[in-house]
Amino acid sequence: MCTNRPFQKEKRIKVVKTEVCGWGVEATDSINKGDFIIEYVGEVISDAECKERLSYLKYDQFGPDQVKCQCGASNYQGYLGVKRKKSKVEELRNWDTKGRRTPNIRHRR
């Protein structure tokens, strides 16, 4: 039996077409600082690995020596980089799930 289950139970988001920036996500519930938004399903790689792959893949910087690869992202997290203002509203945290570290995205503001 497959034990994979989505983490998202409380906060809901939906994909929307914006007037200016293309596609993005919008909260359908109020989201407070530190609230879980969605599990991150891509890779977290080093700067060195990013530089090696940079010529052919899409990446966003999370922090010092932490880069997220959005190639093959299978949930809404791929839309989280689309914002009108250039403010960081997401942060990467590791969440221990049955002894396994799982990256997830939380609200920063």
N, C-alpha and C. Protein backbone atom coordinates (compact mmCIF):
# COMPACT_ATOMS: atom_id res chain seq x y z
N MET A 1 0.84 -1.18 0.00
CA MET A 1 0.00 0.00 0.00
C MET A 1 0.88 1.25 0.00
N CYS A 2 0.55 2.21 -0.82
CA CYS A 2 1.30 3.46 -0.90
C CYS A 2 1.01 4.30 0.34
N THR A 3 2.08 4.77 1.01
CA THR A 3 1.90 5.58 2.21
C THR A 3 2.11 7.07 1.94
N ASN A 4 2.33 7.44 0.68
CA ASN A 4 2.49 8.86 0.36
C ASN A 4 1.17 9.58 0.56
N ARG A 5 1.20 10.64 1.35
CA ARG A 5 0.01 11.44 1.62
C ARG A 5 0.40 12.91 1.55
N PRO A 6 -0.48 13.78 1.08
CA PRO A 6 -0.16 15.21 1.06
C PRO A 6 -0.09 15.76 2.48
N PHE A 7 0.84 16.71 2.71
CA PHE A 7 0.95 17.35 4.01
C PHE A 7 -0.12 18.42 4.20
N GLN A 8 -0.55 19.03 3.11
CA GLN A 8 -1.44 20.18 3.20
C GLN A 8 -2.80 19.75 3.71
N LYS A 9 -3.12 20.16 4.95
CA LYS A 9 -4.39 19.80 5.54
C LYS A 9 -5.20 21.03 5.93
N GLU A 10 -4.52 22.12 6.32
CA GLU A 10 -5.24 23.27 6.84
C GLU A 10 -5.31 24.43 5.86
N LYS A 11 -4.17 24.93 5.42
CA LYS A 11 -4.13 26.12 4.56
C LYS A 11 -4.36 25.72 3.11
N ARG A 12 -5.23 26.43 2.45
CA ARG A 12 -5.55 26.13 1.06
C ARG A 12 -5.00 27.23 0.15
N ILE A 13 -4.49 26.83 -0.98
CA ILE A 13 -4.04 27.77 -2.00
C ILE A 13 -4.61 27.33 -3.34
N LYS A 14 -4.70 28.29 -4.26
CA LYS A 14 -5.19 27.95 -5.59
C LYS A 14 -4.32 28.65 -6.62
N VAL A 15 -4.20 28.06 -7.79
CA VAL A 15 -3.44 28.65 -8.89
C VAL A 15 -4.33 29.68 -9.58
N VAL A 16 -3.77 30.89 -9.81
CA VAL A 16 -4.53 31.97 -10.44
C VAL A 16 -3.70 32.61 -11.55
N LYS A 17 -4.37 33.19 -12.52
CA LYS A 17 -3.73 33.98 -13.57
C LYS A 17 -3.75 35.44 -13.12
N THR A 18 -2.56 36.06 -12.99
CA THR A 18 -2.49 37.45 -12.55
C THR A 18 -2.56 38.38 -13.76
N GLU A 19 -2.86 39.65 -13.51
CA GLU A 19 -2.94 40.63 -14.60
C GLU A 19 -1.57 40.99 -15.15
N VAL A 20 -0.55 40.95 -14.30
CA VAL A 20 0.76 41.46 -14.69
C VAL A 20 1.84 40.38 -14.79
N CYS A 21 1.82 39.41 -13.89
CA CYS A 21 2.96 38.49 -13.75
C CYS A 21 2.71 37.07 -14.23
N GLY A 22 1.66 36.80 -14.96
CA GLY A 22 1.41 35.43 -15.40
C GLY A 22 0.72 34.62 -14.32
N TRP A 23 1.14 33.37 -14.15
CA TRP A 23 0.51 32.46 -13.20
C TRP A 23 1.16 32.56 -11.84
N GLY A 24 0.36 32.37 -10.79
CA GLY A 24 0.85 32.38 -9.42
C GLY A 24 -0.12 31.63 -8.53
N VAL A 25 0.07 31.73 -7.21
CA VAL A 25 -0.87 31.12 -6.27
C VAL A 25 -1.47 32.20 -5.40
N GLU A 26 -2.66 31.92 -4.89
CA GLU A 26 -3.38 32.84 -4.02
C GLU A 26 -3.93 32.02 -2.86
N ALA A 27 -3.82 32.57 -1.66
CA ALA A 27 -4.34 31.89 -0.48
C ALA A 27 -5.86 32.01 -0.44
N THR A 28 -6.53 30.93 -0.11
CA THR A 28 -7.97 30.98 0.09
C THR A 28 -8.30 31.03 1.57
N ASP A 29 -7.29 30.86 2.44
CA ASP A 29 -7.40 31.01 3.89
C ASP A 29 -6.37 32.04 4.33
N SER A 30 -6.57 32.61 5.50
CA SER A 30 -5.58 33.52 6.09
C SER A 30 -4.32 32.72 6.44
N ILE A 31 -3.15 33.26 6.11
CA ILE A 31 -1.88 32.59 6.40
C ILE A 31 -1.06 33.49 7.30
N ASN A 32 -0.67 32.98 8.45
CA ASN A 32 0.13 33.73 9.41
C ASN A 32 1.61 33.38 9.28
N LYS A 33 2.47 34.23 9.85
CA LYS A 33 3.91 33.99 9.83
C LYS A 33 4.21 32.61 10.41
N GLY A 34 5.02 31.84 9.71
CA GLY A 34 5.42 30.51 10.16
C GLY A 34 4.47 29.39 9.81
N ASP A 35 3.30 29.71 9.26
CA ASP A 35 2.34 28.66 8.88
C ASP A 35 2.88 27.83 7.73
N PHE A 36 2.61 26.55 7.78
CA PHE A 36 2.96 25.64 6.70
C PHE A 36 2.10 25.98 5.49
N ILE A 37 2.74 26.08 4.32
CA ILE A 37 1.99 26.35 3.09
C ILE A 37 1.90 25.09 2.25
N ILE A 38 3.06 24.50 1.92
CA ILE A 38 3.07 23.33 1.04
C ILE A 38 4.41 22.62 1.17
N GLU A 39 4.41 21.33 0.94
CA GLU A 39 5.66 20.57 0.92
C GLU A 39 6.44 20.94 -0.33
N TYR A 40 7.75 21.08 -0.19
CA TYR A 40 8.60 21.32 -1.35
C TYR A 40 8.97 19.97 -1.95
N VAL A 41 8.71 19.75 -3.24
CA VAL A 41 8.91 18.45 -3.85
C VAL A 41 10.09 18.39 -4.81
N GLY A 42 10.82 19.48 -4.96
CA GLY A 42 11.99 19.49 -5.85
C GLY A 42 13.25 19.12 -5.10
N GLU A 43 14.39 19.45 -5.68
CA GLU A 43 15.68 19.20 -5.06
C GLU A 43 16.18 20.47 -4.38
N VAL A 44 16.94 20.32 -3.31
CA VAL A 44 17.70 21.42 -2.73
C VAL A 44 19.15 21.07 -2.98
N ILE A 45 19.85 21.92 -3.74
CA ILE A 45 21.21 21.61 -4.16
C ILE A 45 22.16 22.74 -3.76
N SER A 46 23.43 22.46 -3.84
CA SER A 46 24.46 23.46 -3.50
C SER A 46 24.64 24.45 -4.64
N ASP A 47 25.33 25.57 -4.33
CA ASP A 47 25.65 26.55 -5.37
C ASP A 47 26.48 25.92 -6.48
N ALA A 48 27.43 25.07 -6.11
CA ALA A 48 28.30 24.44 -7.12
C ALA A 48 27.48 23.59 -8.10
N GLU A 49 26.55 22.80 -7.57
CA GLU A 49 25.70 21.98 -8.44
C GLU A 49 24.81 22.87 -9.30
N CYS A 50 24.32 23.96 -8.72
CA CYS A 50 23.48 24.90 -9.48
C CYS A 50 24.24 25.47 -10.66
N LYS A 51 25.47 25.92 -10.42
CA LYS A 51 26.28 26.50 -11.50
C LYS A 51 26.50 25.49 -12.62
N GLU A 52 26.66 24.23 -12.24
CA GLU A 52 26.86 23.18 -13.24
C GLU A 52 25.61 22.99 -14.10
N ARG A 53 24.43 23.07 -13.49
CA ARG A 53 23.17 22.82 -14.20
C ARG A 53 22.53 24.09 -14.77
N LEU A 54 23.02 25.26 -14.39
CA LEU A 54 22.35 26.53 -14.68
C LEU A 54 22.04 26.77 -16.15
N SER A 55 22.84 26.25 -17.03
CA SER A 55 22.64 26.53 -18.45
C SER A 55 21.38 25.90 -19.03
N TYR A 56 20.81 24.91 -18.36
CA TYR A 56 19.66 24.23 -18.96
C TYR A 56 18.47 24.00 -18.02
N LEU A 57 18.52 24.43 -16.77
CA LEU A 57 17.41 24.23 -15.85
C LEU A 57 17.02 25.53 -15.15
N LYS A 58 15.83 25.58 -14.53
CA LYS A 58 15.33 26.77 -13.84
C LYS A 58 15.49 26.62 -12.33
N TYR A 59 16.08 27.64 -11.67
CA TYR A 59 16.31 27.60 -10.23
C TYR A 59 15.91 28.91 -9.57
N ASP A 60 15.63 28.86 -8.28
CA ASP A 60 15.42 30.04 -7.44
C ASP A 60 16.29 29.89 -6.20
N GLN A 61 16.83 31.01 -5.71
CA GLN A 61 17.69 31.00 -4.52
C GLN A 61 16.82 31.01 -3.27
N PHE A 62 17.09 30.09 -2.32
CA PHE A 62 16.38 30.07 -1.04
C PHE A 62 17.18 30.78 0.04
N GLY A 63 18.47 30.60 0.03
CA GLY A 63 19.33 31.19 1.05
C GLY A 63 20.76 30.90 0.70
N PRO A 64 21.70 31.19 1.61
CA PRO A 64 23.10 30.91 1.32
C PRO A 64 23.30 29.42 1.02
N ASP A 65 23.84 29.13 -0.13
CA ASP A 65 24.14 27.76 -0.55
C ASP A 65 22.91 26.84 -0.56
N GLN A 66 21.70 27.40 -0.72
CA GLN A 66 20.49 26.61 -0.87
C GLN A 66 19.72 27.13 -2.07
N VAL A 67 19.53 26.26 -3.05
CA VAL A 67 18.85 26.63 -4.29
C VAL A 67 17.77 25.60 -4.54
N LYS A 68 16.58 26.05 -5.00
CA LYS A 68 15.54 25.08 -5.32
C LYS A 68 15.42 24.91 -6.82
N CYS A 69 15.33 23.67 -7.25
CA CYS A 69 15.15 23.34 -8.65
C CYS A 69 13.66 23.10 -8.87
N GLN A 70 13.06 23.81 -9.83
CA GLN A 70 11.63 23.67 -10.07
C GLN A 70 11.33 22.77 -11.26
N CYS A 71 12.32 22.13 -11.80
CA CYS A 71 12.06 21.23 -12.92
C CYS A 71 11.32 20.00 -12.39
N GLY A 72 10.23 19.66 -12.99
CA GLY A 72 9.48 18.48 -12.59
C GLY A 72 8.66 18.64 -11.32
N ALA A 73 8.47 19.87 -10.82
CA ALA A 73 7.70 20.07 -9.60
C ALA A 73 6.26 19.61 -9.85
N SER A 74 5.75 18.79 -8.93
CA SER A 74 4.44 18.19 -9.19
C SER A 74 3.32 18.75 -8.32
N ASN A 75 3.56 19.89 -7.66
CA ASN A 75 2.47 20.51 -6.92
C ASN A 75 2.52 22.03 -7.10
N TYR A 76 1.70 22.76 -6.38
CA TYR A 76 1.59 24.21 -6.56
C TYR A 76 2.86 24.97 -6.23
N GLN A 77 3.83 24.37 -5.55
CA GLN A 77 5.01 25.12 -5.13
C GLN A 77 5.76 25.72 -6.29
N GLY A 78 5.63 25.18 -7.48
CA GLY A 78 6.29 25.76 -8.64
C GLY A 78 5.79 27.16 -8.99
N TYR A 79 4.57 27.51 -8.53
CA TYR A 79 4.00 28.82 -8.79
C TYR A 79 4.35 29.85 -7.72
N LEU A 80 4.97 29.44 -6.62
CA LEU A 80 5.20 30.36 -5.51
C LEU A 80 6.21 31.45 -5.82
N GLY A 81 7.03 31.31 -6.84
CA GLY A 81 8.00 32.33 -7.18
C GLY A 81 7.40 33.50 -7.95
N VAL A 82 6.14 33.43 -8.33
CA VAL A 82 5.50 34.48 -9.12
C VAL A 82 4.85 35.48 -8.17
N LYS A 83 5.44 36.71 -8.08
CA LYS A 83 4.94 37.73 -7.16
C LYS A 83 5.00 39.08 -7.86
N ARG A 84 4.10 40.00 -7.51
CA ARG A 84 4.16 41.36 -8.05
C ARG A 84 5.32 42.11 -7.43
N LYS A 85 5.47 42.04 -6.12
CA LYS A 85 6.54 42.74 -5.43
C LYS A 85 7.72 41.79 -5.26
N LYS A 86 8.91 42.33 -5.22
CA LYS A 86 10.09 41.49 -5.09
C LYS A 86 10.42 41.26 -3.62
N SER A 87 9.47 40.82 -2.83
CA SER A 87 9.69 40.53 -1.42
C SER A 87 9.64 39.03 -1.21
N LYS A 88 10.47 38.55 -0.32
CA LYS A 88 10.50 37.12 -0.03
C LYS A 88 9.32 36.78 0.88
N VAL A 89 8.40 35.96 0.41
CA VAL A 89 7.27 35.55 1.24
C VAL A 89 7.35 34.07 1.59
N GLU A 90 8.37 33.42 1.12
CA GLU A 90 8.50 31.99 1.39
C GLU A 90 9.84 31.71 2.03
N GLU A 91 9.89 30.70 2.85
CA GLU A 91 11.16 30.25 3.39
C GLU A 91 11.15 28.73 3.43
N LEU A 92 12.32 28.15 3.24
CA LEU A 92 12.46 26.70 3.23
C LEU A 92 12.79 26.24 4.63
N ARG A 93 12.06 25.25 5.12
CA ARG A 93 12.37 24.62 6.41
C ARG A 93 12.39 23.12 6.20
N ASN A 94 13.13 22.43 7.06
CA ASN A 94 13.10 20.97 7.02
C ASN A 94 12.16 20.48 8.10
N TRP A 95 11.35 19.51 7.76
CA TRP A 95 10.36 18.95 8.66
C TRP A 95 10.65 17.47 8.78
N ASP A 96 10.86 16.98 10.00
CA ASP A 96 11.14 15.56 10.20
C ASP A 96 9.83 14.78 10.11
N THR A 97 9.79 13.84 9.18
CA THR A 97 8.61 13.01 8.97
C THR A 97 9.04 11.56 9.03
N LYS A 98 8.71 10.90 10.11
CA LYS A 98 9.07 9.48 10.29
C LYS A 98 10.56 9.26 10.04
N GLY A 99 11.40 10.11 10.64
CA GLY A 99 12.84 9.96 10.51
C GLY A 99 13.43 10.46 9.21
N ARG A 100 12.63 11.05 8.36
CA ARG A 100 13.09 11.57 7.07
C ARG A 100 12.91 13.07 7.05
N ARG A 101 13.95 13.81 6.64
CA ARG A 101 13.87 15.27 6.56
C ARG A 101 13.18 15.65 5.26
N THR A 102 12.07 16.36 5.37
CA THR A 102 11.28 16.75 4.21
C THR A 102 11.24 18.27 4.11
N PRO A 103 11.77 18.86 3.02
CA PRO A 103 11.67 20.31 2.87
C PRO A 103 10.21 20.73 2.67
N ASN A 104 9.85 21.87 3.25
CA ASN A 104 8.52 22.42 3.04
C ASN A 104 8.62 23.93 3.01
N ILE A 105 7.60 24.58 2.50
CA ILE A 105 7.60 26.03 2.33
C ILE A 105 6.63 26.63 3.33
N ARG A 106 7.10 27.67 4.06
CA ARG A 106 6.28 28.33 5.07
C ARG A 106 6.23 29.83 4.80
N HIS A 107 5.19 30.47 5.32
CA HIS A 107 5.01 31.91 5.14
C HIS A 107 6.02 32.66 6.01
N ARG A 108 6.70 33.64 5.44
CA ARG A 108 7.74 34.38 6.15
C ARG A 108 7.22 35.64 6.83
N ARG A 109 6.21 36.29 6.30
CA ARG A 109 5.76 37.58 6.86
C ARG A 109 4.71 37.42 7.91
